[in-house]
Protein backbone atom coordinates (compact mmCIF):
# COMPACT_ATOMS: atom_id res chain seq x y z
CA UNK A 1 21.64 86.06 178.74
CA UNK A 2 19.68 84.26 181.43
CA UNK A 3 16.13 82.97 181.35
CA UNK A 4 14.44 81.29 184.30
CA UNK A 5 11.31 79.39 183.39
CA UNK A 6 10.46 77.92 186.81
CA UNK A 7 12.10 78.55 190.15
CA UNK A 8 10.50 77.07 193.28
CA UNK A 9 11.95 78.07 196.66
CA UNK A 10 9.39 76.87 199.16
CA UNK A 11 9.18 73.23 200.25
CA UNK A 12 7.34 71.21 197.64
CA UNK A 13 4.71 68.55 198.21
CA UNK A 14 6.19 65.09 198.07
CA UNK A 15 4.87 62.65 195.47
CA UNK A 16 1.79 60.75 196.58
CA UNK A 17 1.90 57.05 195.69
CA UNK A 18 -1.90 57.00 195.60
CA UNK A 19 -2.20 59.86 193.11
CA UNK A 20 -3.15 59.33 189.49
CA UNK A 21 0.05 61.12 188.43
CA UNK A 22 2.18 58.63 190.38
CA UNK A 23 0.34 55.60 189.00
CA UNK A 24 0.52 57.03 185.49
CA UNK A 25 4.29 57.56 185.84
CA UNK A 26 4.75 53.93 186.92
CA UNK A 27 2.64 52.73 183.98
CA UNK A 28 4.62 54.83 181.51
CA UNK A 29 7.92 53.45 182.85
CA UNK A 30 6.68 49.86 182.50
CA UNK A 31 5.49 50.47 178.93
CA UNK A 32 8.68 52.26 177.87
CA UNK A 33 11.01 49.51 179.15
CA UNK A 34 13.50 52.04 180.51
CA UNK A 35 15.23 49.47 182.73
CA UNK A 36 15.08 45.79 183.80
CA UNK A 37 11.92 44.48 185.46
CA UNK A 38 13.73 43.88 188.79
CA UNK A 39 14.22 47.67 189.06
CA UNK A 40 10.47 48.34 189.10
CA UNK A 41 10.05 48.36 192.90
CA UNK A 42 13.29 50.31 193.58
CA UNK A 43 12.24 52.84 190.92
CA UNK A 44 8.82 53.21 192.56
CA UNK A 45 10.53 53.86 195.90
CA UNK A 46 12.80 56.43 194.21
CA UNK A 47 9.84 58.12 192.53
CA UNK A 48 8.12 58.42 195.92
CA UNK A 49 10.97 60.74 196.99
CA UNK A 50 10.25 63.12 194.10
CA UNK A 51 7.98 66.14 194.28
CA UNK A 52 4.45 66.29 192.97
CA UNK A 53 5.71 68.87 190.46
CA UNK A 54 8.17 66.27 189.11
CA UNK A 55 5.27 63.87 188.53
CA UNK A 56 3.16 66.51 186.83
CA UNK A 57 6.01 67.17 184.35
CA UNK A 58 6.96 63.49 184.14
CA UNK A 59 9.31 62.40 181.37
CA UNK A 60 10.22 58.69 181.40
CA UNK A 61 13.62 59.13 179.76
CA UNK A 62 14.60 61.87 182.20
CA UNK A 63 13.29 59.84 185.16
CA UNK A 64 15.28 56.78 184.05
CA UNK A 65 18.42 58.94 183.73
CA UNK A 66 17.87 60.33 187.24
CA UNK A 67 17.24 56.85 188.64
CA UNK A 68 20.47 55.51 187.09
CA UNK A 69 22.41 58.42 188.64
CA UNK A 70 20.69 57.71 191.97
CA UNK A 71 21.72 54.03 191.83
CA UNK A 72 25.39 54.72 191.11
CA UNK A 73 25.57 57.47 193.73
CA UNK A 74 23.62 55.75 196.52
CA UNK A 75 25.62 55.22 199.73
CA UNK A 76 28.58 57.13 198.34
CA UNK A 77 29.86 60.52 199.36
CA UNK A 78 30.95 61.74 195.96
CA UNK A 79 29.72 63.81 193.06
CA UNK A 80 28.58 61.71 190.11
CA UNK A 81 29.33 63.21 186.70
CA UNK A 82 28.08 62.06 183.34
CA UNK A 83 28.72 63.76 180.01
CA UNK A 84 26.70 62.67 177.00
CA UNK A 85 27.21 64.29 173.59
CA UNK A 86 23.93 64.93 171.80
CA UNK A 87 23.39 66.38 168.31
CA UNK A 88 24.33 70.05 168.83
CA UNK A 89 25.23 70.07 172.52
CA UNK A 90 26.08 67.75 175.39
CA UNK A 91 24.14 66.82 178.49
CA UNK A 92 26.17 67.16 181.68
CA UNK A 93 24.72 65.46 184.75
CA UNK A 94 25.96 66.49 188.20
CA UNK A 95 24.37 64.32 190.92
CA UNK A 96 24.99 63.84 194.63
CA UNK A 97 23.55 62.92 197.99
CA UNK A 98 23.50 65.54 200.74
CA UNK A 99 23.97 68.52 198.42
CA UNK A 100 24.87 71.90 199.92
CA UNK A 101 21.86 73.79 201.21
CA UNK A 102 22.52 76.82 199.02
CA UNK A 103 24.63 77.89 196.09
CA UNK A 104 25.18 74.57 194.29
CA UNK A 105 23.74 75.68 190.96
CA UNK A 106 25.70 78.93 191.09
CA UNK A 107 28.98 77.15 191.89
CA UNK A 108 28.59 74.75 188.96
CA UNK A 109 27.73 77.63 186.64
CA UNK A 110 30.84 79.54 187.80
CA UNK A 111 33.08 76.55 187.04
CA UNK A 112 31.59 76.11 183.58
CA UNK A 113 31.72 79.84 182.84
CA UNK A 114 35.40 80.13 183.87
CA UNK A 115 36.22 77.32 181.41
CA UNK A 116 34.32 79.05 178.59
CA UNK A 117 31.66 76.36 178.44
CA UNK A 118 28.34 77.76 177.25
CA UNK A 119 25.27 76.61 179.18
CA UNK A 120 22.22 76.64 176.92
CA UNK A 121 19.81 75.52 179.63
CA UNK A 122 19.84 73.71 182.95
CA UNK A 123 17.48 71.89 185.27
CA UNK A 124 17.73 71.02 188.95
CA UNK A 125 15.70 68.34 190.70
CA UNK A 126 15.75 67.35 194.37
CA UNK A 127 14.56 64.04 195.82
CA UNK A 128 13.99 62.95 199.40
CA UNK A 129 13.63 66.50 200.63
CA UNK A 130 12.26 65.64 204.07
CA UNK A 131 15.68 64.68 205.42
CA UNK A 132 19.07 66.24 204.62
CA UNK A 133 20.66 62.80 205.08
CA UNK A 134 18.80 61.23 202.19
CA UNK A 135 18.40 64.26 199.95
CA UNK A 136 19.53 63.58 196.40
CA UNK A 137 20.08 66.31 193.82
CA UNK A 138 20.44 66.01 190.06
CA UNK A 139 21.51 69.00 187.99
CA UNK A 140 21.34 68.67 184.21
CA UNK A 141 23.20 71.15 182.03
CA UNK A 142 22.99 71.32 178.25
CA UNK A 143 26.35 72.70 177.20
CA UNK A 144 28.58 73.57 174.25
CA UNK A 145 32.28 74.20 173.88
CA UNK A 146 33.01 76.67 171.08
CA UNK A 147 29.62 75.97 169.50
CA UNK A 148 30.06 72.18 169.52
CA UNK A 149 29.12 69.36 171.89
CA UNK A 150 31.57 68.95 174.76
CA UNK A 151 33.25 65.52 174.77
CA UNK A 152 35.09 63.51 177.41
CA UNK A 153 38.31 63.78 175.36
CA UNK A 154 38.12 67.56 175.21
CA UNK A 155 40.91 69.27 177.23
CA UNK A 156 38.30 71.69 178.60
CA UNK A 157 36.38 68.73 180.06
CA UNK A 158 39.59 67.34 181.55
CA UNK A 159 40.13 70.71 183.23
CA UNK A 160 36.63 71.18 184.71
CA UNK A 161 35.95 67.56 185.68
CA UNK A 162 38.13 67.63 188.86
CA UNK A 163 36.53 70.91 189.92
CA UNK A 164 33.02 69.55 189.38
CA UNK A 165 33.88 66.44 191.39
CA UNK A 166 34.59 68.74 194.36
CA UNK A 167 31.70 71.19 193.90
CA UNK A 168 29.74 69.63 196.76
CA UNK A 169 32.36 70.94 199.18
CA UNK A 170 32.88 74.41 197.69
CA UNK A 171 31.79 77.40 199.70
CA UNK A 172 31.37 80.87 198.25
CA UNK A 173 34.39 82.97 199.15
CA UNK A 174 35.71 86.46 198.47
CA UNK A 175 38.84 85.05 196.83
CA UNK A 176 36.73 83.59 194.04
CA UNK A 177 37.09 86.88 192.21
CA UNK A 178 40.73 85.89 191.55
CA UNK A 179 39.53 82.72 189.85
CA UNK A 180 36.97 84.65 187.82
CA UNK A 181 39.18 87.60 186.89
CA UNK A 182 42.64 86.08 186.72
CA UNK A 183 42.05 82.38 186.07
CA UNK A 184 43.38 81.07 189.37
């Protein structure tokens, strides 16, 4: 089963610092104490790289999670992974600078599917979309392993983690069918 609720392909309008939505997002973050006060200006700069759509659907907890991933990934050429067990599922964050131009979501879904990890829903957000050099992508997957939250100690996680760490450099290839069909 697959349900797409929103899928935007065309370039999106960048967040406007002067807009009410932007100012409201900053106010909400201050009031919710999502991070230390010294992060207020860097967060505002980060938020300015978001899209207007991101501001219109603003969630302070999600924005703080994205900002933390941004901070630990900044100036590094790696894929940041975070796995957080929730009540009935786990949140898997896959974040990176300079993501591939196409196919990233599909590649992550293939890796998870091959491992038997169920994806209940997923979200993708892009920041800094005016320049490929500073583009930052965050993909959030809500997953289960055999009907339970996936944990960092789970052997399935240990198997997919190295693959996910390399997903930025994967390219679709005809030989992938061997991985899908025969577990290569």
